[in-house]
Amino acid sequence: MGVVYACIDRVTNARVAVKRVERAGRPLAQGDTFWFHQEARALAALEHPAIVHARDFGVLSDGSPFLVMD
């Protein structure tokens, strides 16, 4: 369903993971973005030392949704 990149937050200089929905040459269905954002909202609401923290989420200029995590 997607790909995860190891990145650096330009503001805090912290290492982060960016998860992005990618459909290998196929356009995203409207439901893909909806469910991805539901996942991001659910993750952002959780607080536990064994669960990764969600920092941000949104949509890139190409229309693909993303999620930034610690």
Protein backbone atom coordinates (compact mmCIF):
# COMPACT_ATOMS: atom_id res chain seq x y z
CA MET A 1 0.00 0.00 0.00
CA GLY A 2 2.84 2.40 0.58
CA VAL A 3 6.44 3.12 1.30
CA VAL A 4 8.26 4.45 4.38
CA TYR A 5 11.24 6.81 4.12
CA ALA A 6 13.85 7.61 6.78
CA CYS A 7 14.04 11.43 6.91
CA ILE A 8 15.30 14.38 8.95
CA ASP A 9 12.87 17.01 10.26
CA ARG A 10 14.30 20.30 8.97
CA VAL A 11 12.93 22.28 11.93
CA THR A 12 13.98 20.05 14.84
CA ASN A 13 16.77 18.10 13.12
CA ALA A 14 15.17 14.91 14.51
CA ARG A 15 15.11 11.61 12.64
CA VAL A 16 11.58 10.77 11.48
CA ALA A 17 9.81 8.22 9.32
CA VAL A 18 7.53 9.39 6.52
CA LYS A 19 4.91 6.90 5.35
CA ARG A 20 3.39 7.65 1.96
CA VAL A 21 0.66 5.89 0.02
CA GLU A 22 1.97 4.80 -3.35
CA ARG A 23 0.10 2.73 -5.94
CA ALA A 24 2.83 1.81 -8.46
CA GLY A 25 1.57 3.61 -11.54
CA ARG A 26 -2.10 3.52 -10.58
CA PRO A 27 -4.05 6.55 -9.39
CA LEU A 28 -5.19 6.63 -5.79
CA ALA A 29 -8.82 5.89 -5.11
CA GLN A 30 -10.68 8.45 -3.01
CA GLY A 31 -11.11 5.83 -0.30
CA ASP A 32 -7.33 5.32 -0.06
CA THR A 33 -6.81 8.84 1.26
CA PHE A 34 -9.79 8.61 3.62
CA TRP A 35 -8.60 5.35 5.23
CA PHE A 36 -5.01 6.54 5.42
CA HIS A 37 -6.12 9.68 7.28
CA GLN A 38 -8.29 7.55 9.59
CA GLU A 39 -5.17 5.54 10.43
CA ALA A 40 -3.20 8.75 11.06
CA ARG A 41 -5.91 10.17 13.36
CA ALA A 42 -6.11 6.91 15.31
CA LEU A 43 -2.34 6.78 15.74
CA ALA A 44 -2.20 10.42 16.83
CA ALA A 45 -4.77 9.70 19.57
CA LEU A 46 -2.66 6.92 21.12
CA GLU A 47 -0.03 7.51 23.79
CA HIS A 48 2.07 4.52 24.83
CA PRO A 49 5.84 3.91 25.02
CA ALA A 50 5.55 0.89 22.69
CA ILE A 51 3.64 2.79 19.96
CA VAL A 52 5.29 5.17 17.53
CA HIS A 53 4.18 8.82 17.88
CA ALA A 54 2.48 10.48 14.90
CA ARG A 55 3.84 14.00 14.31
CA ASP A 56 1.93 15.19 11.26
CA PHE A 57 -0.10 14.04 8.28
CA GLY A 58 -1.51 15.57 5.13
CA VAL A 59 -1.48 15.36 1.34
CA LEU A 60 1.51 16.02 -0.93
CA SER A 61 1.28 18.15 -4.07
CA ASP A 62 0.83 15.00 -6.20
CA GLY A 63 -2.25 14.05 -4.16
CA SER A 64 -0.68 11.22 -2.18
CA PRO A 65 -1.33 11.21 1.57
CA PHE A 66 1.58 11.09 4.02
CA LEU A 67 2.15 10.45 7.73
CA VAL A 68 5.20 11.64 9.68
CA MET A 69 6.19 9.53 12.70
CA ASP A 70 8.99 9.48 15.28
